[in-house]
Amino acid sequence: MRNTLGDLNNHLFSQLERLSDEDLSGEKLAEEINRAKAVTSVASQIISNGSLVLEARRLADDRLNADTSIPKMLEG
């Protein structure tokens, strides 16, 4: 199974729809809110990881360019 950022996007919107259910209340609503918090936490980590991979790829691609400067966050 291969998950994509598109799959994550669909999952997040599904979670939003579940939270928007006006018939949800009490304990069921509390459970859904807790689930949404967990999904949000995992989604944030996935997005952060994707950003890190993208930045690493950019740095690897730029290393062949003699005019590339070192990112400020990596400077001494």
Protein backbone atom coordinates (compact mmCIF):
# COMPACT_ATOMS: atom_id res chain seq x y z
CA MET A 1 0.00 0.00 0.00
CA ARG A 2 1.32 3.43 -0.91
CA ASN A 3 -0.17 6.53 0.67
CA THR A 4 0.16 9.92 -0.96
CA LEU A 5 -0.29 13.50 0.20
CA GLY A 6 -3.52 13.43 -1.80
CA ASP A 7 -4.69 10.52 0.37
CA LEU A 8 -3.77 12.52 3.47
CA ASN A 9 -5.72 15.51 2.16
CA ASN A 10 -8.78 13.32 1.56
CA HIS A 11 -8.47 11.83 5.03
CA LEU A 12 -8.25 15.27 6.64
CA PHE A 13 -11.36 16.45 4.80
CA SER A 14 -13.20 13.28 5.86
CA GLN A 15 -12.25 14.03 9.45
CA LEU A 16 -13.56 17.57 9.05
CA GLU A 17 -16.85 16.22 7.73
CA ARG A 18 -17.18 13.90 10.74
CA LEU A 19 -16.55 16.83 13.09
CA SER A 20 -19.19 18.87 11.25
CA ASP A 21 -21.91 16.25 11.87
CA GLU A 22 -24.57 18.19 13.77
CA ASP A 23 -26.06 14.94 15.12
CA LEU A 24 -22.81 14.18 16.95
CA SER A 25 -22.87 15.13 20.62
CA GLY A 26 -21.77 14.13 24.08
CA GLU A 27 -19.35 11.22 24.34
CA LYS A 28 -19.39 10.53 20.59
CA LEU A 29 -18.40 14.14 19.88
CA ALA A 30 -15.63 13.96 22.49
CA GLU A 31 -14.32 10.76 20.88
CA GLU A 32 -14.35 12.38 17.45
CA ILE A 33 -12.52 15.45 18.77
CA ASN A 34 -9.84 13.21 20.30
CA ARG A 35 -9.54 11.31 17.03
CA ALA A 36 -9.22 14.60 15.14
CA LYS A 37 -6.41 15.71 17.46
CA ALA A 38 -4.56 12.44 16.85
CA VAL A 39 -5.06 12.68 13.08
CA THR A 40 -3.85 16.30 13.11
CA SER A 41 -0.73 15.33 15.05
CA VAL A 42 0.16 12.51 12.66
CA ALA A 43 -0.64 14.67 9.62
CA SER A 44 1.66 17.42 10.91
CA GLN A 45 4.50 14.93 11.25
CA ILE A 46 3.91 13.60 7.74
CA ILE A 47 3.94 17.13 6.32
CA SER A 48 7.08 18.05 8.29
CA ASN A 49 8.80 14.93 7.01
CA GLY A 50 7.79 15.74 3.44
CA SER A 51 9.15 19.28 3.84
CA LEU A 52 12.45 17.91 5.14
CA VAL A 53 12.74 15.49 2.22
CA LEU A 54 11.99 18.31 -0.22
CA GLU A 55 14.60 20.59 1.37
CA ALA A 56 17.20 17.80 1.30
CA ARG A 57 16.44 17.22 -2.38
CA ARG A 58 16.85 20.94 -3.11
CA LEU A 59 20.19 21.03 -1.31
CA ALA A 60 21.37 17.92 -3.16
CA ASP A 61 20.34 19.43 -6.50
CA ASP A 62 22.00 22.76 -5.64
CA ARG A 63 25.33 21.22 -4.66
CA LEU A 64 26.24 21.03 -8.33
CA ASN A 65 25.76 24.79 -8.69
CA ALA A 66 28.95 26.72 -7.85
CA ASP A 67 26.93 29.86 -7.06
CA THR A 68 24.87 28.19 -4.33
CA SER A 69 25.11 29.79 -0.90
CA ILE A 70 24.83 27.92 2.39
CA PRO A 71 21.40 28.32 4.02
CA LYS A 72 21.52 30.69 7.00
CA MET A 73 20.26 27.95 9.35
CA LEU A 74 23.37 25.88 8.52
CA GLU A 75 25.90 28.69 8.85
CA GLY A 76 28.29 28.55 11.77
